[in-house]
């Protein structure tokens, strides 16, 4: 047992990232059933769709699961009320001020975790009363910190500043990565990209196959003027870079991005015009596997790496 397994009442300190268009109830329940903590990604769901996923998840697992809620989305009040009405016990918040909703959720007996990309925001989250934080490094897929602080440097810097449990995220897809994060001071890990390329992920098969094909250097952080996002380099990414050559205004970038670009790419499988969000660690993901196997492999790798660590004692 450690702080994170105790906090969530789970077997392994492995949290699944609540990734938009990837994290439906099938993925969340599979991760929870395999001993981790599954998260439903509310960011790509209308309120009533989210309600349906929570209800299905309750039927699919008797283990703890949570909901990830990006606070920059509309309908936020409706989403928070649904989470309370449906008896969700764990909420991860991101992309917003943790003070806004933490006390509301805590009053309802909900465990609250906030995602941050710097020690300054980690301190703010701790002050807001959250139970734990996710410290996410620059390697991560999807929306990301502006400072480009890598996981290797972020975890010890956050650890120095806060007392509450830390979940490391960004660049972790193996048991070795998990061991490294724990040695750096994290209490658990959040895994996104590896679960995006799982059988149970709700992403389109085209996108899953693209993740498997990604090599080192095939992703890039871009669109910092709007919200920094790590994308696979495809036609849409190239269009963005072309526009940057012209010194675009924020409005020009918004116009190019348009609406539902992430849905088009990850959920509908449009590999040319869609936004394909994945982490740098995709370069070592070589096959689409069932969640149970992913977690088994991670834990076996963790055990081997833990034993090997003894070789480095001087």
C-alpha atoms as a PDB file:
ATOM      1  CA  UNK A   1       0.000   0.000   0.000  1.00  0.00           C
ATOM      2  CA  UNK A   2       1.130   3.547  -0.652  1.00  0.00           C
ATOM      3  CA  UNK A   3      -0.538   6.975  -0.423  1.00  0.00           C
ATOM      4  CA  UNK A   4      -2.213   6.676  -3.824  1.00  0.00           C
ATOM      5  CA  UNK A   5      -3.456   3.087  -3.553  1.00  0.00           C
ATOM      6  CA  UNK A   6      -4.857   4.006  -0.121  1.00  0.00           C
ATOM      7  CA  UNK A   7      -6.445   7.244  -1.292  1.00  0.00           C
ATOM      8  CA  UNK A   8      -8.358   5.547  -4.113  1.00  0.00           C
ATOM      9  CA  UNK A   9      -8.587   2.037  -2.625  1.00  0.00           C
ATOM     10  CA  UNK A  10      -6.923   0.442  -5.675  1.00  0.00           C
ATOM     11  CA  UNK A  11      -4.349  -2.342  -6.123  1.00  0.00           C
ATOM     12  CA  UNK A  12      -1.706  -0.553  -8.220  1.00  0.00           C
ATOM     13  CA  UNK A  13      -0.767   3.174  -8.208  1.00  0.00           C
ATOM     14  CA  UNK A  14      -1.643   3.437 -11.922  1.00  0.00           C
ATOM     15  CA  UNK A  15      -4.188   6.056 -12.993  1.00  0.00           C
ATOM     16  CA  UNK A  16      -5.553   6.158 -16.535  1.00  0.00           C
ATOM     17  CA  UNK A  17      -5.510   9.598 -18.145  1.00  0.00           C
ATOM     18  CA  UNK A  18      -9.001  11.014 -18.780  1.00  0.00           C
ATOM     19  CA  UNK A  19      -8.255  11.652 -22.450  1.00  0.00           C
ATOM     20  CA  UNK A  20     -10.913  13.213 -24.665  1.00  0.00           C
ATOM     21  CA  UNK A  21     -12.313  10.861 -27.339  1.00  0.00           C
ATOM     22  CA  UNK A  22     -10.380   7.916 -25.846  1.00  0.00           C
ATOM     23  CA  UNK A  23     -11.735   7.529 -22.331  1.00  0.00           C
ATOM     24  CA  UNK A  24     -15.255   6.157 -22.398  1.00  0.00           C
ATOM     25  CA  UNK A  25     -16.692   3.779 -19.810  1.00  0.00           C
ATOM     26  CA  UNK A  26     -15.170   0.715 -21.531  1.00  0.00           C
ATOM     27  CA  UNK A  27     -11.620   1.975 -20.991  1.00  0.00           C
ATOM     28  CA  UNK A  28     -12.292   3.326 -17.478  1.00  0.00           C
ATOM     29  CA  UNK A  29     -13.960   0.126 -16.255  1.00  0.00           C
ATOM     30  CA  UNK A  30     -11.249  -2.079 -17.824  1.00  0.00           C
ATOM     31  CA  UNK A  31      -8.488  -0.135 -16.033  1.00  0.00           C
ATOM     32  CA  UNK A  32     -10.354  -0.287 -12.719  1.00  0.00           C
ATOM     33  CA  UNK A  33     -11.049  -4.017 -13.123  1.00  0.00           C
ATOM     34  CA  UNK A  34      -7.320  -4.601 -13.791  1.00  0.00           C
ATOM     35  CA  UNK A  35      -6.276  -2.935 -10.510  1.00  0.00           C
ATOM     36  CA  UNK A  36      -5.696   0.694 -11.562  1.00  0.00           C
ATOM     37  CA  UNK A  37      -7.990   3.720 -11.410  1.00  0.00           C
ATOM     38  CA  UNK A  38     -10.030   4.278 -14.568  1.00  0.00           C
ATOM     39  CA  UNK A  39     -11.210   7.773 -15.480  1.00  0.00           C
ATOM     40  CA  UNK A  40     -14.065   8.735 -17.787  1.00  0.00           C
ATOM     41  CA  UNK A  41     -12.976  11.741 -19.869  1.00  0.00           C
ATOM     42  CA  UNK A  42     -15.829  14.249 -19.568  1.00  0.00           C
ATOM     43  CA  UNK A  43     -14.110  16.762 -21.874  1.00  0.00           C
ATOM     44  CA  UNK A  44     -15.562  15.219 -25.034  1.00  0.00           C
ATOM     45  CA  UNK A  45     -19.034  14.440 -23.655  1.00  0.00           C
ATOM     46  CA  UNK A  46     -22.285  16.378 -23.503  1.00  0.00           C
ATOM     47  CA  UNK A  47     -23.696  16.248 -19.958  1.00  0.00           C
ATOM     48  CA  UNK A  48     -26.264  13.517 -20.650  1.00  0.00           C
ATOM     49  CA  UNK A  49     -23.700  11.439 -22.580  1.00  0.00           C
ATOM     50  CA  UNK A  50     -21.450  11.651 -19.527  1.00  0.00           C
ATOM     51  CA  UNK A  51     -24.324  10.496 -17.317  1.00  0.00           C
ATOM     52  CA  UNK A  52     -24.804   7.455 -19.560  1.00  0.00           C
ATOM     53  CA  UNK A  53     -21.087   6.586 -19.386  1.00  0.00           C
ATOM     54  CA  UNK A  54     -21.071   6.856 -15.572  1.00  0.00           C
ATOM     55  CA  UNK A  55     -24.108   4.565 -15.321  1.00  0.00           C
ATOM     56  CA  UNK A  56     -22.576   2.008 -17.704  1.00  0.00           C
ATOM     57  CA  UNK A  57     -19.251   2.164 -15.842  1.00  0.00           C
ATOM     58  CA  UNK A  58     -21.000   1.370 -12.546  1.00  0.00           C
ATOM     59  CA  UNK A  59     -22.464  -1.754 -14.175  1.00  0.00           C
ATOM     60  CA  UNK A  60     -19.117  -2.744 -15.766  1.00  0.00           C
ATOM     61  CA  UNK A  61     -16.999  -2.544 -12.588  1.00  0.00           C
ATOM     62  CA  UNK A  62     -17.478  -2.805  -8.843  1.00  0.00           C
ATOM     63  CA  UNK A  63     -14.076  -1.132  -8.342  1.00  0.00           C
ATOM     64  CA  UNK A  64     -13.412   2.594  -7.795  1.00  0.00           C
ATOM     65  CA  UNK A  65     -13.376   4.831 -10.894  1.00  0.00           C
ATOM     66  CA  UNK A  66     -13.452   8.574 -11.439  1.00  0.00           C
ATOM     67  CA  UNK A  67     -14.314  11.331 -13.895  1.00  0.00           C
ATOM     68  CA  UNK A  68     -11.832  13.789 -15.415  1.00  0.00           C
ATOM     69  CA  UNK A  69     -13.353  17.254 -15.888  1.00  0.00           C
ATOM     70  CA  UNK A  70     -11.534  20.013 -17.831  1.00  0.00           C
ATOM     71  CA  UNK A  71     -12.933  23.186 -16.295  1.00  0.00           C
ATOM     72  CA  UNK A  72     -12.623  25.302 -19.448  1.00  0.00           C
ATOM     73  CA  UNK A  73     -15.588  23.490 -21.014  1.00  0.00           C
ATOM     74  CA  UNK A  74     -19.124  24.892 -21.135  1.00  0.00           C
ATOM     75  CA  UNK A  75     -21.938  23.163 -19.152  1.00  0.00           C
ATOM     76  CA  UNK A  76     -19.518  22.847 -16.231  1.00  0.00           C
ATOM     77  CA  UNK A  77     -22.241  23.337 -13.580  1.00  0.00           C
ATOM     78  CA  UNK A  78     -24.429  20.702 -15.202  1.00  0.00           C
ATOM     79  CA  UNK A  79     -21.477  18.297 -15.391  1.00  0.00           C
ATOM     80  CA  UNK A  80     -20.586  18.813 -11.705  1.00  0.00           C
ATOM     81  CA  UNK A  81     -24.213  18.235 -10.681  1.00  0.00           C
ATOM     82  CA  UNK A  82     -24.371  15.006 -12.720  1.00  0.00           C
ATOM     83  CA  UNK A  83     -21.199  13.734 -11.042  1.00  0.00           C
ATOM     84  CA  UNK A  84     -22.800  14.375  -7.625  1.00  0.00           C
ATOM     85  CA  UNK A  85     -26.202  12.938  -8.611  1.00  0.00           C
ATOM     86  CA  UNK A  86     -24.608   9.754  -9.972  1.00  0.00           C
ATOM     87  CA  UNK A  87     -22.577   9.232  -6.801  1.00  0.00           C
ATOM     88  CA  UNK A  88     -19.128   9.505  -8.407  1.00  0.00           C
ATOM     89  CA  UNK A  89     -16.557   9.363  -5.609  1.00  0.00           C
ATOM     90  CA  UNK A  90     -13.411  10.609  -7.413  1.00  0.00           C
ATOM     91  CA  UNK A  91     -13.023  13.684  -9.651  1.00  0.00           C
ATOM     92  CA  UNK A  92      -9.883  14.885 -11.447  1.00  0.00           C
ATOM     93  CA  UNK A  93     -10.097  18.551 -12.476  1.00  0.00           C
ATOM     94  CA  UNK A  94      -7.864  20.276 -15.011  1.00  0.00           C
ATOM     95  CA  UNK A  95      -7.521  23.413 -17.149  1.00  0.00           C
ATOM     96  CA  UNK A  96      -8.792  25.914 -14.618  1.00  0.00           C
ATOM     97  CA  UNK A  97      -8.572  27.291 -11.101  1.00  0.00           C
ATOM     98  CA  UNK A  98      -8.882  24.485  -8.507  1.00  0.00           C
ATOM     99  CA  UNK A  99     -10.527  26.917  -6.066  1.00  0.00           C
ATOM    100  CA  UNK A 100     -13.625  27.129  -8.259  1.00  0.00           C
ATOM    101  CA  UNK A 101     -15.009  23.634  -7.606  1.00  0.00           C
ATOM    102  CA  UNK A 102     -12.864  21.857  -4.998  1.00  0.00           C
ATOM    103  CA  UNK A 103     -14.847  22.876  -1.901  1.00  0.00           C
ATOM    104  CA  UNK A 104     -18.173  22.118  -3.658  1.00  0.00           C
ATOM    105  CA  UNK A 105     -16.972  18.585  -4.492  1.00  0.00           C
ATOM    106  CA  UNK A 106     -15.303  17.975  -1.111  1.00  0.00           C
ATOM    107  CA  UNK A 107     -18.524  18.952   0.700  1.00  0.00           C
ATOM    108  CA  UNK A 108     -20.217  16.138  -1.217  1.00  0.00           C
ATOM    109  CA  UNK A 109     -17.614  13.639   0.032  1.00  0.00           C
ATOM    110  CA  UNK A 110     -15.772  13.456  -3.297  1.00  0.00           C
ATOM    111  CA  UNK A 111     -12.000  12.916  -3.488  1.00  0.00           C
ATOM    112  CA  UNK A 112     -10.544  15.716  -5.661  1.00  0.00           C
ATOM    113  CA  UNK A 113      -7.319  15.647  -7.672  1.00  0.00           C
ATOM    114  CA  UNK A 114      -6.102  18.566  -9.800  1.00  0.00           C
ATOM    115  CA  UNK A 115      -3.779  18.411 -12.815  1.00  0.00           C
ATOM    116  CA  UNK A 116      -0.891  20.917 -12.872  1.00  0.00           C
ATOM    117  CA  UNK A 117       2.204  21.571 -14.977  1.00  0.00           C
ATOM    118  CA  UNK A 118       4.249  23.619 -12.483  1.00  0.00           C
ATOM    119  CA  UNK A 119       5.076  23.776  -8.771  1.00  0.00           C
ATOM    120  CA  UNK A 120       3.346  27.200  -8.551  1.00  0.00           C
ATOM    121  CA  UNK A 121       0.040  25.655  -9.625  1.00  0.00           C
ATOM    122  CA  UNK A 122       0.710  22.620  -7.423  1.00  0.00           C
ATOM    123  CA  UNK A 123       0.873  24.941  -4.409  1.00  0.00           C
ATOM    124  CA  UNK A 124      -2.350  26.682  -5.477  1.00  0.00           C
ATOM    125  CA  UNK A 125      -4.072  23.303  -5.779  1.00  0.00           C
ATOM    126  CA  UNK A 126      -2.843  22.277  -2.330  1.00  0.00           C
ATOM    127  CA  UNK A 127      -4.114  25.588  -0.890  1.00  0.00           C
ATOM    128  CA  UNK A 128      -7.471  24.973  -2.568  1.00  0.00           C
ATOM    129  CA  UNK A 129      -7.760  21.757  -0.538  1.00  0.00           C
ATOM    130  CA  UNK A 130      -7.363  19.037  -3.166  1.00  0.00           C
ATOM    131  CA  UNK A 131      -6.462  15.522  -1.971  1.00  0.00           C
ATOM    132  CA  UNK A 132      -3.639  14.979  -4.497  1.00  0.00           C
ATOM    133  CA  UNK A 133      -2.197  16.505  -7.641  1.00  0.00           C
ATOM    134  CA  UNK A 134      -1.168  15.194 -11.035  1.00  0.00           C
ATOM    135  CA  UNK A 135       2.128  16.830 -12.062  1.00  0.00           C
ATOM    136  CA  UNK A 136       2.235  16.552 -15.851  1.00  0.00           C
ATOM    137  CA  UNK A 137       5.460  17.047 -17.773  1.00  0.00           C
ATOM    138  CA  UNK A 138       6.031  18.453 -21.258  1.00  0.00           C
ATOM    139  CA  UNK A 139       6.294  14.943 -22.792  1.00  0.00           C
ATOM    140  CA  UNK A 140       2.561  14.380 -22.331  1.00  0.00           C
ATOM    141  CA  UNK A 141       0.066  14.268 -25.173  1.00  0.00           C
ATOM    142  CA  UNK A 142      -2.884  16.608 -25.562  1.00  0.00           C
ATOM    143  CA  UNK A 143      -3.094  19.901 -23.668  1.00  0.00           C
ATOM    144  CA  UNK A 144       0.075  20.756 -21.901  1.00  0.00           C
ATOM    145  CA  UNK A 145       1.959  23.355 -19.834  1.00  0.00           C
ATOM    146  CA  UNK A 146       3.388  26.472 -21.469  1.00  0.00           C
ATOM    147  CA  UNK A 147       6.718  26.189 -19.654  1.00  0.00           C
ATOM    148  CA  UNK A 148       7.862  22.961 -21.333  1.00  0.00           C
ATOM    149  CA  UNK A 149       9.063  21.522 -18.003  1.00  0.00           C
ATOM    150  CA  UNK A 150       9.836  17.831 -18.410  1.00  0.00           C
ATOM    151  CA  UNK A 151       8.576  15.160 -16.020  1.00  0.00           C
ATOM    152  CA  UNK A 152      12.127  14.390 -14.878  1.00  0.00           C
ATOM    153  CA  UNK A 153      12.541  17.917 -13.533  1.00  0.00           C
ATOM    154  CA  UNK A 154       8.913  18.685 -12.613  1.00  0.00           C
ATOM    155  CA  UNK A 155       8.362  15.845 -10.115  1.00  0.00           C
ATOM    156  CA  UNK A 156      11.257  16.679  -7.752  1.00  0.00           C
ATOM    157  CA  UNK A 157      10.469  20.405  -7.976  1.00  0.00           C
ATOM    158  CA  UNK A 158       6.834  19.814  -7.044  1.00  0.00           C
ATOM    159  CA  UNK A 159       7.843  17.311  -4.338  1.00  0.00           C
ATOM    160  CA  UNK A 160       9.992  20.000  -2.716  1.00  0.00           C
ATOM    161  CA  UNK A 161       7.013  22.347  -2.421  1.00  0.00           C
ATOM    162  CA  UNK A 162       3.964  20.291  -1.416  1.00  0.00           C
ATOM    163  CA  UNK A 163       2.884  17.789   1.237  1.00  0.00           C
ATOM    164  CA  UNK A 164      -0.043  16.070  -0.500  1.00  0.00           C
ATOM    165  CA  UNK A 165       0.406  12.981  -2.736  1.00  0.00           C
ATOM    166  CA  UNK A 166       1.816  13.455  -6.246  1.00  0.00           C
ATOM    167  CA  UNK A 167       0.837  11.502  -9.346  1.00  0.00           C
ATOM    168  CA  UNK A 168       3.437  11.812 -12.115  1.00  0.00           C
ATOM    169  CA  UNK A 169       2.239  12.129 -15.712  1.00  0.00           C
ATOM    170  CA  UNK A 170       3.915  12.642 -19.074  1.00  0.00           C
ATOM    171  CA  UNK A 171       6.156  10.085 -20.745  1.00  0.00           C
ATOM    172  CA  UNK A 172       5.163   7.080 -18.611  1.00  0.00           C
ATOM    173  CA  UNK A 173       4.073   3.898 -20.422  1.00  0.00           C
ATOM    174  CA  UNK A 174       6.172   1.168 -18.798  1.00  0.00           C
ATOM    175  CA  UNK A 175       6.953  -0.253 -15.380  1.00  0.00           C
ATOM    176  CA  UNK A 176      10.442   1.236 -15.647  1.00  0.00           C
ATOM    177  CA  UNK A 177       8.955   4.675 -16.243  1.00  0.00           C
ATOM    178  CA  UNK A 178       6.730   4.125 -13.221  1.00  0.00           C
ATOM    179  CA  UNK A 179       9.676   3.112 -11.023  1.00  0.00           C
ATOM    180  CA  UNK A 180      11.632   6.179 -12.178  1.00  0.00           C
ATOM    181  CA  UNK A 181       8.705   8.473 -11.299  1.00  0.00           C
ATOM    182  CA  UNK A 182       8.333   6.918  -7.839  1.00  0.00           C
ATOM    183  CA  UNK A 183      12.071   7.255  -7.177  1.00  0.00           C
ATOM    184  CA  UNK A 184      11.834  10.942  -8.153  1.00  0.00           C
ATOM    185  CA  UNK A 185       9.212  11.441  -5.445  1.00  0.00           C
ATOM    186  CA  UNK A 186       5.844  10.620  -7.020  1.00  0.00           C
ATOM    187  CA  UNK A 187       3.345   8.379  -5.190  1.00  0.00           C
ATOM    188  CA  UNK A 188       1.710   7.074  -8.356  1.00  0.00           C
ATOM    189  CA  UNK A 189       1.608   7.545 -12.121  1.00  0.00           C
ATOM    190  CA  UNK A 190      -0.953   8.633 -14.678  1.00  0.00           C
ATOM    191  CA  UNK A 191      -0.732   6.857 -18.014  1.00  0.00           C
ATOM    192  CA  UNK A 192      -2.369   8.281 -21.121  1.00  0.00           C
ATOM    193  CA  UNK A 193      -0.822   7.339 -24.478  1.00  0.00           C
ATOM    194  CA  UNK A 194      -0.347   3.649 -23.618  1.00  0.00           C
ATOM    195  CA  UNK A 195      -4.068   3.335 -22.792  1.00  0.00           C
ATOM    196  CA  UNK A 196      -5.085   5.324 -25.899  1.00  0.00           C
ATOM    197  CA  UNK A 197      -3.592   2.420 -27.900  1.00  0.00           C
ATOM    198  CA  UNK A 198      -5.638  -0.214 -26.051  1.00  0.00           C
ATOM    199  CA  UNK A 199      -8.436  -2.438 -27.309  1.00  0.00           C
ATOM    200  CA  UNK A 200     -10.902  -0.745 -24.928  1.00  0.00           C
ATOM    201  CA  UNK A 201     -10.008   2.854 -25.857  1.00  0.00           C
ATOM    202  CA  UNK A 202     -12.930   4.597 -27.580  1.00  0.00           C
ATOM    203  CA  UNK A 203     -10.601   6.146 -30.171  1.00  0.00           C
ATOM    204  CA  UNK A 204     -10.929   5.242 -33.858  1.00  0.00           C
ATOM    205  CA  UNK A 205      -8.845   2.274 -35.067  1.00  0.00           C
ATOM    206  CA  UNK A 206      -7.089   4.591 -37.574  1.00  0.00           C
ATOM    207  CA  UNK A 207      -5.839   6.721 -34.673  1.00  0.00           C
ATOM    208  CA  UNK A 208      -4.781   3.688 -32.609  1.00  0.00           C
ATOM    209  CA  UNK A 209      -2.787   2.356 -35.554  1.00  0.00           C
ATOM    210  CA  UNK A 210      -1.165   5.775 -36.026  1.00  0.00           C
ATOM    211  CA  UNK A 211      -0.037   5.755 -32.368  1.00  0.00           C
ATOM    212  CA  UNK A 212       1.657   2.390 -32.956  1.00  0.00           C
ATOM    213  CA  UNK A 213       3.406   3.825 -36.047  1.00  0.00           C
ATOM    214  CA  UNK A 214       4.669   6.988 -34.292  1.00  0.00           C
ATOM    215  CA  UNK A 215       8.444   7.245 -34.047  1.00  0.00           C
ATOM    216  CA  UNK A 216      10.703   9.512 -32.014  1.00  0.00           C
ATOM    217  CA  UNK A 217      10.267  13.125 -33.157  1.00  0.00           C
ATOM    218  CA  UNK A 218       6.844  12.580 -34.775  1.00  0.00           C
ATOM    219  CA  UNK A 219       5.005  14.771 -32.233  1.00  0.00           C
ATOM    220  CA  UNK A 220       5.318  18.475 -31.454  1.00  0.00           C
ATOM    221  CA  UNK A 221       3.867  20.972 -28.994  1.00  0.00           C
ATOM    222  CA  UNK A 222       2.071  23.753 -30.877  1.00  0.00           C
ATOM    223  CA  UNK A 223      -0.776  26.324 -30.735  1.00  0.00           C
ATOM    224  CA  UNK A 224       0.634  27.915 -27.563  1.00  0.00           C
ATOM    225  CA  UNK A 225      -1.319  31.123 -28.251  1.00  0.00           C
ATOM    226  CA  UNK A 226      -4.601  29.215 -27.783  1.00  0.00           C
ATOM    227  CA  UNK A 227      -3.817  26.264 -25.474  1.00  0.00           C
ATOM    228  CA  UNK A 228      -0.548  24.354 -25.936  1.00  0.00           C
ATOM    229  CA  UNK A 229      -1.239  20.911 -27.391  1.00  0.00           C
ATOM    230  CA  UNK A 230       1.064  18.051 -28.420  1.00  0.00           C
ATOM    231  CA  UNK A 231       0.102  16.722 -31.850  1.00  0.00           C
ATOM    232  CA  UNK A 232       1.240  14.064 -34.270  1.00  0.00           C
ATOM    233  CA  UNK A 233       2.695  15.756 -37.357  1.00  0.00           C
ATOM    234  CA  UNK A 234       0.052  15.282 -40.063  1.00  0.00           C
ATOM    235  CA  UNK A 235      -1.549  17.514 -42.722  1.00  0.00           C
ATOM    236  CA  UNK A 236      -3.412  19.605 -40.128  1.00  0.00           C
ATOM    237  CA  UNK A 237      -0.212  20.080 -38.092  1.00  0.00           C
ATOM    238  CA  UNK A 238       1.632  21.142 -41.281  1.00  0.00           C
ATOM    239  CA  UNK A 239      -1.168  23.632 -42.088  1.00  0.00           C
ATOM    240  CA  UNK A 240      -0.672  25.165 -38.628  1.00  0.00           C
ATOM    241  CA  UNK A 241       3.093  25.484 -39.206  1.00  0.00           C
ATOM    242  CA  UNK A 242       2.500  27.078 -42.627  1.00  0.00           C
ATOM    243  CA  UNK A 243       0.195  29.623 -41.039  1.00  0.00           C
ATOM    244  CA  UNK A 244       2.872  30.418 -38.419  1.00  0.00           C
ATOM    245  CA  UNK A 245       5.222  31.446 -41.258  1.00  0.00           C
ATOM    246  CA  UNK A 246       2.809  34.327 -41.973  1.00  0.00           C
ATOM    247  CA  UNK A 247       2.841  35.692 -38.395  1.00  0.00           C
ATOM    248  CA  UNK A 248      -0.841  34.896 -37.711  1.00  0.00           C
ATOM    249  CA  UNK A 249      -3.083  36.611 -35.204  1.00  0.00           C
ATOM    250  CA  UNK A 250      -4.825  34.569 -32.514  1.00  0.00           C
ATOM    251  CA  UNK A 251      -8.023  34.910 -34.581  1.00  0.00           C
ATOM    252  CA  UNK A 252      -6.277  33.376 -37.632  1.00  0.00           C
ATOM    253  CA  UNK A 253      -5.257  30.361 -35.543  1.00  0.00           C
ATOM    254  CA  UNK A 254      -8.782  29.985 -34.105  1.00  0.00           C
ATOM    255  CA  UNK A 255     -10.207  30.099 -37.635  1.00  0.00           C
ATOM    256  CA  UNK A 256      -7.837  27.382 -38.877  1.00  0.00           C
ATOM    257  CA  UNK A 257      -8.538  25.199 -35.851  1.00  0.00           C
ATOM    258  CA  UNK A 258     -12.291  25.484 -36.374  1.00  0.00           C
ATOM    259  CA  UNK A 259     -14.602  23.229 -34.391  1.00  0.00           C
ATOM    260  CA  UNK A 260     -14.419  19.543 -33.434  1.00  0.00           C
ATOM    261  CA  UNK A 261     -10.918  19.098 -34.869  1.00  0.00           C
ATOM    262  CA  UNK A 262      -9.909  16.612 -32.120  1.00  0.00           C
ATOM    263  CA  UNK A 263     -13.120  14.610 -32.601  1.00  0.00           C
ATOM    264  CA  UNK A 264     -12.445  14.454 -36.342  1.00  0.00           C
ATOM    265  CA  UNK A 265      -8.972  13.034 -35.784  1.00  0.00           C
ATOM    266  CA  UNK A 266      -9.157  10.768 -32.746  1.00  0.00           C
ATOM    267  CA  UNK A 267     -12.792   9.638 -32.777  1.00  0.00           C
ATOM    268  CA  UNK A 268     -13.701   9.718 -36.474  1.00  0.00           C
ATOM    269  CA  UNK A 269     -10.255   8.651 -37.704  1.00  0.00           C
ATOM    270  CA  UNK A 270      -9.525  11.488 -40.158  1.00  0.00           C
ATOM    271  CA  UNK A 271      -5.726  11.269 -40.154  1.00  0.00           C
ATOM    272  CA  UNK A 272      -5.259  14.243 -42.514  1.00  0.00           C
ATOM    273  CA  UNK A 273      -7.545  17.004 -41.217  1.00  0.00           C
ATOM    274  CA  UNK A 274      -7.960  15.813 -37.621  1.00  0.00           C
ATOM    275  CA  UNK A 275      -6.081  16.852 -34.501  1.00  0.00           C
ATOM    276  CA  UNK A 276      -4.141  13.766 -33.342  1.00  0.00           C
ATOM    277  CA  UNK A 277      -3.055  14.218 -29.726  1.00  0.00           C
ATOM    278  CA  UNK A 278      -0.477  11.810 -28.268  1.00  0.00           C
ATOM    279  CA  UNK A 279       2.576  11.882 -26.008  1.00  0.00           C
ATOM    280  CA  UNK A 280       6.231  11.533 -26.973  1.00  0.00           C
ATOM    281  CA  UNK A 281       6.303   8.068 -25.367  1.00  0.00           C
ATOM    282  CA  UNK A 282       4.190   6.770 -28.289  1.00  0.00           C
ATOM    283  CA  UNK A 283       7.565   6.037 -29.931  1.00  0.00           C
ATOM    284  CA  UNK A 284       7.864   2.914 -27.745  1.00  0.00           C
ATOM    285  CA  UNK A 285       4.255   1.736 -28.123  1.00  0.00           C
ATOM    286  CA  UNK A 286       4.346  -1.009 -30.751  1.00  0.00           C
ATOM    287  CA  UNK A 287       1.019  -2.822 -30.444  1.00  0.00           C
ATOM    288  CA  UNK A 288      -2.621  -2.339 -29.500  1.00  0.00           C
ATOM    289  CA  UNK A 289      -3.278  -4.479 -26.423  1.00  0.00           C
ATOM    290  CA  UNK A 290      -6.126  -5.178 -23.993  1.00  0.00           C
ATOM    291  CA  UNK A 291      -5.939  -3.049 -20.839  1.00  0.00           C
ATOM    292  CA  UNK A 292      -5.455  -6.058 -18.579  1.00  0.00           C
ATOM    293  CA  UNK A 293      -2.342  -7.072 -20.524  1.00  0.00           C
ATOM    294  CA  UNK A 294      -0.968  -3.503 -20.476  1.00  0.00           C
ATOM    295  CA  UNK A 295      -1.212  -3.354 -16.676  1.00  0.00           C
ATOM    296  CA  UNK A 296       0.202  -6.878 -16.262  1.00  0.00           C
ATOM    297  CA  UNK A 297       3.166  -5.942 -18.473  1.00  0.00           C
ATOM    298  CA  UNK A 298       3.727  -2.685 -16.578  1.00  0.00           C
ATOM    299  CA  UNK A 299       3.768  -4.451 -13.213  1.00  0.00           C
ATOM    300  CA  UNK A 300       6.065  -7.259 -14.465  1.00  0.00           C
ATOM    301  CA  UNK A 301       8.419  -4.625 -15.923  1.00  0.00           C
ATOM    302  CA  UNK A 302       8.256  -2.702 -12.624  1.00  0.00           C
ATOM    303  CA  UNK A 303       9.270  -5.809 -10.643  1.00  0.00           C
ATOM    304  CA  UNK A 304      12.205  -6.582 -12.968  1.00  0.00           C
ATOM    305  CA  UNK A 305      13.401  -2.962 -12.894  1.00  0.00           C
ATOM    306  CA  UNK A 306      13.096  -2.857  -9.081  1.00  0.00           C
ATOM    307  CA  UNK A 307      15.374  -5.910  -8.795  1.00  0.00           C
ATOM    308  CA  UNK A 308      17.848  -4.488 -11.338  1.00  0.00           C
ATOM    309  CA  UNK A 309      18.058  -1.290  -9.317  1.00  0.00           C
ATOM    310  CA  UNK A 310      20.068  -3.206  -6.716  1.00  0.00           C
ATOM    311  CA  UNK A 311      22.933  -3.453  -9.264  1.00  0.00           C
ATOM    312  CA  UNK A 312      23.423   0.298  -9.028  1.00  0.00           C
ATOM    313  CA  UNK A 313      24.138   0.423  -5.323  1.00  0.00           C
ATOM    314  CA  UNK A 314      27.656   1.809  -4.882  1.00  0.00           C
END
